[in-house]
Amino acid sequence: MFQDELGGGCGCGIQKEEEKTFMENVKIFIQNMGNMFHKVGFWVLVLVLVGAFLGGTAMTWYQKSQMDNAIMLGGFVYDNKVFDIKERIR
């Protein structure tokens, strides 16, 4: 009974881990680091894509608002030069 509680005999208790060689430990470490880099790389890629989408959307919104202001005023300044904005009728 006492030996069954510690894991002897039934095979469902605590089992002693086998000793691994240094090279096996290095291989496991490299595999774990590779998995970690893949996970981090995935999230970096996701954040870059989300940032590009948000940046593009914000830039489009900003440029549209600036163009609306220029049309309302009838002109805009670019490179220290004043340009008139006139509507073309086709």
PDB file of N, CA and C in Angstrom:
ATOM      1  N   MET A   1       0.811  -1.191   0.000  1.00  0.00           N
ATOM      2  CA  MET A   1       0.000   0.000   0.000  1.00  0.00           C
ATOM      3  C   MET A   1       0.853   1.252   0.000  1.00  0.00           C
ATOM      4  N   PHE A   2       1.851   1.306   0.866  1.00  0.00           N
ATOM      5  CA  PHE A   2       2.711   2.490   0.952  1.00  0.00           C
ATOM      6  C   PHE A   2       3.457   2.727  -0.355  1.00  0.00           C
ATOM      7  N   GLN A   3       3.902   1.663  -0.994  1.00  0.00           N
ATOM      8  CA  GLN A   3       4.629   1.809  -2.245  1.00  0.00           C
ATOM      9  C   GLN A   3       3.694   2.254  -3.377  1.00  0.00           C
ATOM     10  N   ASP A   4       2.431   1.870  -3.375  1.00  0.00           N
ATOM     11  CA  ASP A   4       1.475   2.328  -4.382  1.00  0.00           C
ATOM     12  C   ASP A   4       1.236   3.827  -4.273  1.00  0.00           C
ATOM     13  N   GLU A   5       1.224   4.385  -3.073  1.00  0.00           N
ATOM     14  CA  GLU A   5       1.019   5.824  -2.895  1.00  0.00           C
ATOM     15  C   GLU A   5       2.188   6.624  -3.463  1.00  0.00           C
ATOM     16  N   LEU A   6       3.367   6.086  -3.406  1.00  0.00           N
ATOM     17  CA  LEU A   6       4.536   6.787  -3.935  1.00  0.00           C
ATOM     18  C   LEU A   6       4.730   6.563  -5.423  1.00  0.00           C
ATOM     19  N   GLY A   7       3.972   5.677  -6.014  1.00  0.00           N
ATOM     20  CA  GLY A   7       4.061   5.487  -7.444  1.00  0.00           C
ATOM     21  C   GLY A   7       4.667   4.172  -7.862  1.00  0.00           C
ATOM     22  N   GLY A   8       4.957   3.314  -6.956  1.00  0.00           N
ATOM     23  CA  GLY A   8       5.523   2.039  -7.327  1.00  0.00           C
ATOM     24  C   GLY A   8       4.438   1.013  -7.585  1.00  0.00           C
ATOM     25  N   GLY A   9       4.568   0.218  -8.602  1.00  0.00           N
ATOM     26  CA  GLY A   9       3.649  -0.874  -8.829  1.00  0.00           C
ATOM     27  C   GLY A   9       2.504  -0.557  -9.775  1.00  0.00           C
ATOM     28  N   CYS A  10       1.713   0.476  -9.531  1.00  0.00           N
ATOM     29  CA  CYS A  10       0.518   0.689 -10.352  1.00  0.00           C
ATOM     30  C   CYS A  10       0.815   1.506 -11.616  1.00  0.00           C
ATOM     31  N   GLY A  11       1.868   2.269 -11.646  1.00  0.00           N
ATOM     32  CA  GLY A  11       2.221   3.032 -12.843  1.00  0.00           C
ATOM     33  C   GLY A  11       1.458   4.328 -13.009  1.00  0.00           C
ATOM     34  N   CYS A  12       0.668   4.721 -12.009  1.00  0.00           N
ATOM     35  CA  CYS A  12      -0.099   5.953 -12.147  1.00  0.00           C
ATOM     36  C   CYS A  12       0.359   7.015 -11.158  1.00  0.00           C
ATOM     37  N   GLY A  13       1.401   6.783 -10.418  1.00  0.00           N
ATOM     38  CA  GLY A  13       1.868   7.738  -9.423  1.00  0.00           C
ATOM     39  C   GLY A  13       3.003   8.592  -9.965  1.00  0.00           C
ATOM     40  N   ILE A  14       3.812   9.080  -9.068  1.00  0.00           N
ATOM     41  CA  ILE A  14       4.947   9.925  -9.436  1.00  0.00           C
ATOM     42  C   ILE A  14       6.017   9.039 -10.061  1.00  0.00           C
ATOM     43  N   GLN A  15       6.495   9.457 -11.205  1.00  0.00           N
ATOM     44  CA  GLN A  15       7.528   8.690 -11.881  1.00  0.00           C
ATOM     45  C   GLN A  15       8.808   9.513 -11.899  1.00  0.00           C
ATOM     46  N   LYS A  16       9.908   8.857 -11.690  1.00  0.00           N
ATOM     47  CA  LYS A  16      11.201   9.525 -11.703  1.00  0.00           C
ATOM     48  C   LYS A  16      11.589   9.817 -13.153  1.00  0.00           C
ATOM     49  N   GLU A  17      11.980  11.070 -13.404  1.00  0.00           N
ATOM     50  CA  GLU A  17      12.364  11.469 -14.758  1.00  0.00           C
ATOM     51  C   GLU A  17      13.735  10.894 -15.079  1.00  0.00           C
ATOM     52  N   GLU A  18      13.880  10.400 -16.301  1.00  0.00           N
ATOM     53  CA  GLU A  18      15.151   9.827 -16.719  1.00  0.00           C
ATOM     54  C   GLU A  18      16.174  10.935 -16.922  1.00  0.00           C
ATOM     55  N   GLU A  19      17.409  10.622 -16.648  1.00  0.00           N
ATOM     56  CA  GLU A  19      18.491  11.580 -16.860  1.00  0.00           C
ATOM     57  C   GLU A  19      18.715  11.770 -18.356  1.00  0.00           C
ATOM     58  N   LYS A  20      18.844  13.024 -18.775  1.00  0.00           N
ATOM     59  CA  LYS A  20      19.084  13.318 -20.188  1.00  0.00           C
ATOM     60  C   LYS A  20      20.503  13.842 -20.342  1.00  0.00           C
ATOM     61  N   THR A  21      21.054  13.590 -21.509  1.00  0.00           N
ATOM     62  CA  THR A  21      22.407  14.061 -21.764  1.00  0.00           C
ATOM     63  C   THR A  21      22.375  15.551 -22.037  1.00  0.00           C
ATOM     64  N   PHE A  22      23.537  16.155 -22.007  1.00  0.00           N
ATOM     65  CA  PHE A  22      23.663  17.584 -22.243  1.00  0.00           C
ATOM     66  C   PHE A  22      23.141  17.956 -23.633  1.00  0.00           C
ATOM     67  N   MET A  23      23.459  17.155 -24.630  1.00  0.00           N
ATOM     68  CA  MET A  23      23.029  17.459 -26.004  1.00  0.00           C
ATOM     69  C   MET A  23      21.508  17.356 -26.144  1.00  0.00           C
ATOM     70  N   GLU A  24      20.890  16.414 -25.456  1.00  0.00           N
ATOM     71  CA  GLU A  24      19.428  16.316 -25.495  1.00  0.00           C
ATOM     72  C   GLU A  24      18.793  17.553 -24.857  1.00  0.00           C
ATOM     73  N   ASN A  25      19.385  18.010 -23.747  1.00  0.00           N
ATOM     74  CA  ASN A  25      18.892  19.232 -23.100  1.00  0.00           C
ATOM     75  C   ASN A  25      19.063  20.444 -24.012  1.00  0.00           C
ATOM     76  N   VAL A  26      20.170  20.504 -24.736  1.00  0.00           N
ATOM     77  CA  VAL A  26      20.405  21.616 -25.662  1.00  0.00           C
ATOM     78  C   VAL A  26      19.380  21.577 -26.792  1.00  0.00           C
ATOM     79  N   LYS A  27      19.089  20.396 -27.328  1.00  0.00           N
ATOM     80  CA  LYS A  27      18.095  20.273 -28.394  1.00  0.00           C
ATOM     81  C   LYS A  27      16.717  20.726 -27.912  1.00  0.00           C
ATOM     82  N   ILE A  28      16.340  20.318 -26.715  1.00  0.00           N
ATOM     83  CA  ILE A  28      15.044  20.727 -26.163  1.00  0.00           C
ATOM     84  C   ILE A  28      15.015  22.237 -25.961  1.00  0.00           C
ATOM     85  N   PHE A  29      16.111  22.804 -25.456  1.00  0.00           N
ATOM     86  CA  PHE A  29      16.191  24.252 -25.254  1.00  0.00           C
ATOM     87  C   PHE A  29      16.053  24.991 -26.580  1.00  0.00           C
ATOM     88  N   ILE A  30      16.723  24.528 -27.614  1.00  0.00           N
ATOM     89  CA  ILE A  30      16.646  25.172 -28.932  1.00  0.00           C
ATOM     90  C   ILE A  30      15.234  25.068 -29.498  1.00  0.00           C
ATOM     91  N   GLN A  31      14.590  23.918 -29.326  1.00  0.00           N
ATOM     92  CA  GLN A  31      13.205  23.767 -29.788  1.00  0.00           C
ATOM     93  C   GLN A  31      12.280  24.727 -29.051  1.00  0.00           C
ATOM     94  N   ASN A  32      12.457  24.850 -27.732  1.00  0.00           N
ATOM     95  CA  ASN A  32      11.630  25.772 -26.958  1.00  0.00           C
ATOM     96  C   ASN A  32      11.869  27.222 -27.374  1.00  0.00           C
ATOM     97  N   MET A  33      13.117  27.583 -27.623  1.00  0.00           N
ATOM     98  CA  MET A  33      13.424  28.946 -28.062  1.00  0.00           C
ATOM     99  C   MET A  33      12.837  29.205 -29.452  1.00  0.00           C
ATOM    100  N   GLY A  34      12.901  28.212 -30.329  1.00  0.00           N
ATOM    101  CA  GLY A  34      12.311  28.354 -31.655  1.00  0.00           C
ATOM    102  C   GLY A  34      10.811  28.568 -31.583  1.00  0.00           C
ATOM    103  N   ASN A  35      10.133  27.809 -30.715  1.00  0.00           N
ATOM    104  CA  ASN A  35       8.697  27.988 -30.531  1.00  0.00           C
ATOM    105  C   ASN A  35       8.382  29.375 -29.989  1.00  0.00           C
ATOM    106  N   MET A  36       9.206  29.841 -29.027  1.00  0.00           N
ATOM    107  CA  MET A  36       8.983  31.173 -28.461  1.00  0.00           C
ATOM    108  C   MET A  36       9.165  32.251 -29.533  1.00  0.00           C
ATOM    109  N   PHE A  37      10.197  32.132 -30.365  1.00  0.00           N
ATOM    110  CA  PHE A  37      10.429  33.116 -31.416  1.00  0.00           C
ATOM    111  C   PHE A  37       9.298  33.109 -32.434  1.00  0.00           C
ATOM    112  N   HIS A  38       8.740  31.940 -32.739  1.00  0.00           N
ATOM    113  CA  HIS A  38       7.604  31.880 -33.658  1.00  0.00           C
ATOM    114  C   HIS A  38       6.392  32.584 -33.067  1.00  0.00           C
ATOM    115  N   LYS A  39       6.129  32.377 -31.792  1.00  0.00           N
ATOM    116  CA  LYS A  39       4.991  33.040 -31.142  1.00  0.00           C
ATOM    117  C   LYS A  39       5.186  34.550 -31.097  1.00  0.00           C
ATOM    118  N   VAL A  40       6.379  34.995 -30.713  1.00  0.00           N
ATOM    119  CA  VAL A  40       6.659  36.434 -30.659  1.00  0.00           C
ATOM    120  C   VAL A  40       6.598  37.030 -32.059  1.00  0.00           C
ATOM    121  N   GLY A  41       7.169  36.336 -33.038  1.00  0.00           N
ATOM    122  CA  GLY A  41       7.143  36.815 -34.418  1.00  0.00           C
ATOM    123  C   GLY A  41       5.733  36.948 -34.948  1.00  0.00           C
ATOM    124  N   PHE A  42       4.855  36.004 -34.605  1.00  0.00           N
ATOM    125  CA  PHE A  42       3.464  36.083 -35.028  1.00  0.00           C
ATOM    126  C   PHE A  42       2.807  37.343 -34.483  1.00  0.00           C
ATOM    127  N   TRP A  43       2.997  37.609 -33.194  1.00  0.00           N
ATOM    128  CA  TRP A  43       2.355  38.787 -32.602  1.00  0.00           C
ATOM    129  C   TRP A  43       2.956  40.084 -33.119  1.00  0.00           C
ATOM    130  N   VAL A  44       4.250  40.098 -33.397  1.00  0.00           N
ATOM    131  CA  VAL A  44       4.863  41.285 -34.003  1.00  0.00           C
ATOM    132  C   VAL A  44       4.249  41.526 -35.379  1.00  0.00           C
ATOM    133  N   LEU A  45       4.090  40.469 -36.157  1.00  0.00           N
ATOM    134  CA  LEU A  45       3.484  40.592 -37.478  1.00  0.00           C
ATOM    135  C   LEU A  45       2.051  41.097 -37.382  1.00  0.00           C
ATOM    136  N   VAL A  46       1.285  40.565 -36.437  1.00  0.00           N
ATOM    137  CA  VAL A  46      -0.099  41.017 -36.246  1.00  0.00           C
ATOM    138  C   VAL A  46      -0.125  42.492 -35.882  1.00  0.00           C
ATOM    139  N   LEU A  47       0.747  42.909 -34.964  1.00  0.00           N
ATOM    140  CA  LEU A  47       0.774  44.314 -34.546  1.00  0.00           C
ATOM    141  C   LEU A  47       1.211  45.230 -35.682  1.00  0.00           C
ATOM    142  N   VAL A  48       2.145  44.790 -36.509  1.00  0.00           N
ATOM    143  CA  VAL A  48       2.567  45.609 -37.657  1.00  0.00           C
ATOM    144  C   VAL A  48       1.416  45.770 -38.645  1.00  0.00           C
ATOM    145  N   LEU A  49       0.704  44.695 -38.924  1.00  0.00           N
ATOM    146  CA  LEU A  49      -0.428  44.780 -39.853  1.00  0.00           C
ATOM    147  C   LEU A  49      -1.543  45.663 -39.300  1.00  0.00           C
ATOM    148  N   VAL A  50      -1.856  45.522 -38.019  1.00  0.00           N
ATOM    149  CA  VAL A  50      -2.889  46.369 -37.405  1.00  0.00           C
ATOM    150  C   VAL A  50      -2.438  47.831 -37.414  1.00  0.00           C
ATOM    151  N   GLY A  51      -1.175  48.079 -37.109  1.00  0.00           N
ATOM    152  CA  GLY A  51      -0.646  49.444 -37.124  1.00  0.00           C
ATOM    153  C   GLY A  51      -0.674  50.057 -38.513  1.00  0.00           C
ATOM    154  N   ALA A  52      -0.345  49.267 -39.529  1.00  0.00           N
ATOM    155  CA  ALA A  52      -0.389  49.766 -40.907  1.00  0.00           C
ATOM    156  C   ALA A  52      -1.819  50.103 -41.304  1.00  0.00           C
ATOM    157  N   PHE A  53      -2.771  49.255 -40.930  1.00  0.00           N
ATOM    158  CA  PHE A  53      -4.176  49.514 -41.246  1.00  0.00           C
ATOM    159  C   PHE A  53      -4.665  50.781 -40.538  1.00  0.00           C
ATOM    160  N   LEU A  54      -4.373  50.891 -39.243  1.00  0.00           N
ATOM    161  CA  LEU A  54      -4.812  52.074 -38.497  1.00  0.00           C
ATOM    162  C   LEU A  54      -4.119  53.338 -38.997  1.00  0.00           C
ATOM    163  N   GLY A  55      -2.838  53.245 -39.314  1.00  0.00           N
ATOM    164  CA  GLY A  55      -2.111  54.402 -39.836  1.00  0.00           C
ATOM    165  C   GLY A  55      -2.644  54.841 -41.180  1.00  0.00           C
ATOM    166  N   GLY A  56      -2.929  53.897 -42.056  1.00  0.00           N
ATOM    167  CA  GLY A  56      -3.488  54.238 -43.369  1.00  0.00           C
ATOM    168  C   GLY A  56      -4.860  54.860 -43.257  1.00  0.00           C
ATOM    169  N   THR A  57      -5.673  54.319 -42.356  1.00  0.00           N
ATOM    170  CA  THR A  57      -7.009  54.869 -42.154  1.00  0.00           C
ATOM    171  C   THR A  57      -6.931  56.286 -41.589  1.00  0.00           C
ATOM    172  N   ALA A  58      -6.064  56.504 -40.602  1.00  0.00           N
ATOM    173  CA  ALA A  58      -5.908  57.831 -40.007  1.00  0.00           C
ATOM    174  C   ALA A  58      -5.354  58.822 -41.027  1.00  0.00           C
ATOM    175  N   MET A  59      -4.407  58.401 -41.844  1.00  0.00           N
ATOM    176  CA  MET A  59      -3.840  59.291 -42.854  1.00  0.00           C
ATOM    177  C   MET A  59      -4.892  59.676 -43.881  1.00  0.00           C
ATOM    178  N   THR A  60      -5.716  58.739 -44.316  1.00  0.00           N
ATOM    179  CA  THR A  60      -6.784  59.034 -45.270  1.00  0.00           C
ATOM    180  C   THR A  60      -7.774  60.025 -44.676  1.00  0.00           C
ATOM    181  N   TRP A  61      -8.162  59.802 -43.426  1.00  0.00           N
ATOM    182  CA  TRP A  61      -9.100  60.706 -42.748  1.00  0.00           C
ATOM    183  C   TRP A  61      -8.512  62.103 -42.628  1.00  0.00           C
ATOM    184  N   TYR A  62      -7.221  62.210 -42.239  1.00  0.00           N
ATOM    185  CA  TYR A  62      -6.569  63.504 -42.077  1.00  0.00           C
ATOM    186  C   TYR A  62      -6.467  64.241 -43.416  1.00  0.00           C
ATOM    187  N   GLN A  63      -6.048  63.543 -44.462  1.00  0.00           N
ATOM    188  CA  GLN A  63      -5.918  64.195 -45.773  1.00  0.00           C
ATOM    189  C   GLN A  63      -7.271  64.644 -46.304  1.00  0.00           C
ATOM    190  N   LYS A  64      -8.316  63.853 -46.074  1.00  0.00           N
ATOM    191  CA  LYS A  64      -9.650  64.244 -46.521  1.00  0.00           C
ATOM    192  C   LYS A  64     -10.107  65.490 -45.780  1.00  0.00           C
ATOM    193  N   SER A  65      -9.864  65.550 -44.485  1.00  0.00           N
ATOM    194  CA  SER A  65     -10.279  66.739 -43.731  1.00  0.00           C
ATOM    195  C   SER A  65      -9.485  67.974 -44.172  1.00  0.00           C
ATOM    196  N   GLN A  66      -8.204  67.809 -44.465  1.00  0.00           N
ATOM    197  CA  GLN A  66      -7.404  68.938 -44.941  1.00  0.00           C
ATOM    198  C   GLN A  66      -7.887  69.405 -46.318  1.00  0.00           C
ATOM    199  N   MET A  67      -8.223  68.479 -47.198  1.00  0.00           N
ATOM    200  CA  MET A  67      -8.721  68.847 -48.522  1.00  0.00           C
ATOM    201  C   MET A  67     -10.079  69.527 -48.417  1.00  0.00           C
ATOM    202  N   ASP A  68     -10.944  69.050 -47.513  1.00  0.00           N
ATOM    203  CA  ASP A  68     -12.232  69.706 -47.305  1.00  0.00           C
ATOM    204  C   ASP A  68     -12.043  71.144 -46.825  1.00  0.00           C
ATOM    205  N   ASN A  69     -11.089  71.359 -45.930  1.00  0.00           N
ATOM    206  CA  ASN A  69     -10.806  72.723 -45.459  1.00  0.00           C
ATOM    207  C   ASN A  69     -10.276  73.597 -46.590  1.00  0.00           C
ATOM    208  N   ALA A  70      -9.393  73.038 -47.438  1.00  0.00           N
ATOM    209  CA  ALA A  70      -8.835  73.819 -48.546  1.00  0.00           C
ATOM    210  C   ALA A  70      -9.921  74.187 -49.540  1.00  0.00           C
ATOM    211  N   ILE A  71     -10.844  73.273 -49.823  1.00  0.00           N
ATOM    212  CA  ILE A  71     -11.944  73.557 -50.760  1.00  0.00           C
ATOM    213  C   ILE A  71     -12.870  74.618 -50.175  1.00  0.00           C
ATOM    214  N   MET A  72     -13.122  74.543 -48.877  1.00  0.00           N
ATOM    215  CA  MET A  72     -13.985  75.516 -48.224  1.00  0.00           C
ATOM    216  C   MET A  72     -13.365  76.920 -48.295  1.00  0.00           C
ATOM    217  N   LEU A  73     -12.062  77.017 -48.133  1.00  0.00           N
ATOM    218  CA  LEU A  73     -11.385  78.319 -48.178  1.00  0.00           C
ATOM    219  C   LEU A  73     -11.121  78.778 -49.610  1.00  0.00           C
ATOM    220  N   GLY A  74     -11.076  77.863 -50.544  1.00  0.00           N
ATOM    221  CA  GLY A  74     -10.840  78.216 -51.943  1.00  0.00           C
ATOM    222  C   GLY A  74      -9.379  78.211 -52.342  1.00  0.00           C
ATOM    223  N   GLY A  75      -8.497  77.755 -51.507  1.00  0.00           N
ATOM    224  CA  GLY A  75      -7.075  77.700 -51.857  1.00  0.00           C
ATOM    225  C   GLY A  75      -6.276  77.005 -50.767  1.00  0.00           C
ATOM    226  N   PHE A  76      -5.003  76.785 -51.056  1.00  0.00           N
ATOM    227  CA  PHE A  76      -4.117  76.195 -50.055  1.00  0.00           C
ATOM    228  C   PHE A  76      -2.687  76.620 -50.335  1.00  0.00           C
ATOM    229  N   VAL A  77      -1.828  76.470 -49.323  1.00  0.00           N
ATOM    230  CA  VAL A  77      -0.419  76.857 -49.416  1.00  0.00           C
ATOM    231  C   VAL A  77       0.403  75.584 -49.450  1.00  0.00           C
ATOM    232  N   TYR A  78       1.289  75.511 -50.461  1.00  0.00           N
ATOM    233  CA  TYR A  78       2.190  74.377 -50.577  1.00  0.00           C
ATOM    234  C   TYR A  78       3.561  74.896 -50.955  1.00  0.00           C
ATOM    235  N   ASP A  79       4.552  74.575 -50.174  1.00  0.00           N
ATOM    236  CA  ASP A  79       5.937  74.987 -50.429  1.00  0.00           C
ATOM    237  C   ASP A  79       6.030  76.504 -50.554  1.00  0.00           C
ATOM    238  N   ASN A  80       5.371  77.199 -49.627  1.00  0.00           N
ATOM    239  CA  ASN A  80       5.338  78.671 -49.567  1.00  0.00           C
ATOM    240  C   ASN A  80       4.765  79.299 -50.831  1.00  0.00           C
ATOM    241  N   LYS A  81       3.922  78.581 -51.544  1.00  0.00           N
ATOM    242  CA  LYS A  81       3.239  79.114 -52.721  1.00  0.00           C
ATOM    243  C   LYS A  81       1.743  78.950 -52.495  1.00  0.00           C
ATOM    244  N   VAL A  82       0.964  79.954 -52.926  1.00  0.00           N
ATOM    245  CA  VAL A  82      -0.475  79.920 -52.748  1.00  0.00           C
ATOM    246  C   VAL A  82      -1.106  79.425 -54.042  1.00  0.00           C
ATOM    247  N   PHE A  83      -2.013  78.440 -53.907  1.00  0.00           N
ATOM    248  CA  PHE A  83      -2.716  77.885 -55.056  1.00  0.00           C
ATOM    249  C   PHE A  83      -4.226  78.112 -54.867  1.00  0.00           C
ATOM    250  N   ASP A  84      -4.881  78.423 -55.963  1.00  0.00           N
ATOM    251  CA  ASP A  84      -6.336  78.569 -55.936  1.00  0.00           C
ATOM    252  C   ASP A  84      -6.976  77.249 -56.294  1.00  0.00           C
ATOM    253  N   ILE A  85      -8.112  76.978 -55.678  1.00  0.00           N
ATOM    254  CA  ILE A  85      -8.886  75.782 -55.992  1.00  0.00           C
ATOM    255  C   ILE A  85     -10.175  76.240 -56.642  1.00  0.00           C
ATOM    256  N   LYS A  86     -10.398  75.787 -57.867  1.00  0.00           N
ATOM    257  CA  LYS A  86     -11.619  76.153 -58.591  1.00  0.00           C
ATOM    258  C   LYS A  86     -12.297  74.880 -59.072  1.00  0.00           C
ATOM    259  N   GLU A  87     -13.618  74.877 -59.059  1.00  0.00           N
ATOM    260  CA  GLU A  87     -14.359  73.726 -59.508  1.00  0.00           C
ATOM    261  C   GLU A  87     -14.398  73.715 -61.037  1.00  0.00           C
ATOM    262  N   ARG A  88     -14.170  72.557 -61.617  1.00  0.00           N
ATOM    263  CA  ARG A  88     -14.253  72.410 -63.069  1.00  0.00           C
ATOM    264  C   ARG A  88     -15.617  71.842 -63.446  1.00  0.00           C
ATOM    265  N   ILE A  89     -16.218  72.412 -64.426  1.00  0.00           N
ATOM    266  CA  ILE A  89     -17.493  71.906 -64.910  1.00  0.00           C
ATOM    267  C   ILE A  89     -17.220  71.214 -66.231  1.00  0.00           C
ATOM    268  N   ARG A  90     -17.611  69.986 -66.340  1.00  0.00           N
ATOM    269  CA  ARG A  90     -17.319  69.234 -67.554  1.00  0.00           C
ATOM    270  C   ARG A  90     -18.433  69.352 -68.521  1.00  0.00           C
TER     271      ARG A  90
END
